[in-house]
Amino acid sequence: MSSAAPSRPRGSEDLWLNAAAALLCEAGVDAVMVAPLAQRLGLSRTGFYWHFKDRKALLDALLMRWETRTTRPLLSRADAYAETICEALFNLCDCWLDRDLFDARMELAVRDWARADPAVAERLAQADATRRTAIAGLFRHFGYPETEAETRTLALLQAQIGYFALPVDDTHWMRIARIPDFVEIFSGRRPIESEVGRFMARHIEERVTP
């Protein structure tokens, strides 16, 4: 009597979720289907259902990952210690330079997804409102009037989302070099040398650390 064929591995939840996130960023939410994911991973579709009840559960997990990799780190940087508005904005700008702090590809993919899905659009609107509240709070903390704080917040957020969406050819170093000018534009104040130096030091250190 022949023995049964060995079962194919199920993979881990993170493995399926990583593949789904990559597919979302590459081809949009309509491409995130169980069969293509299984083929991409070389696993059986039954392995997917070991970790997720259905496709909706996977999409919910993708939205949770998006929030974890975009809104949460942005709020954390907004809450970081700063003695001036320039220092506070340098803290925020860490998100635009460090992919581990802010997943720009996933941000754009979810914004595209929201255009066709009202529930996702509502969730995105809530995230945007939370971000705006946190950043406007920084400006108010450093003495900006309410209306000006809101306007500067919108300018900052819209500029950064636009920067991610545009095909800009800047190298990482070029982008770092532009940040002090961005900070001056968004705050209306020129950062002092020590603020620029601390910002540059932590990003140069990140790039040279093995």
Foldseek 3Di string as FASTA:
>chain_A
DDDDDDAWDLDDPVLLLVLLLVCLLVPNDVRNAQVVSCVVVVHDSVSVCVRAVHVVRSVVVLVVVQCVQALVLLLVLLPDDDPALLLSVLSNCVQLQDSSRHVLSSVVSLVVRCVPDVVSVVVVVVSVVSSLVSQLVSLVVRPDDNVLSSVLSVVVVVVSNVVSVDPDPDDSVRVLVCSQVVSCVSNVDRDDPVSNVVSVVVVVCVVPDD
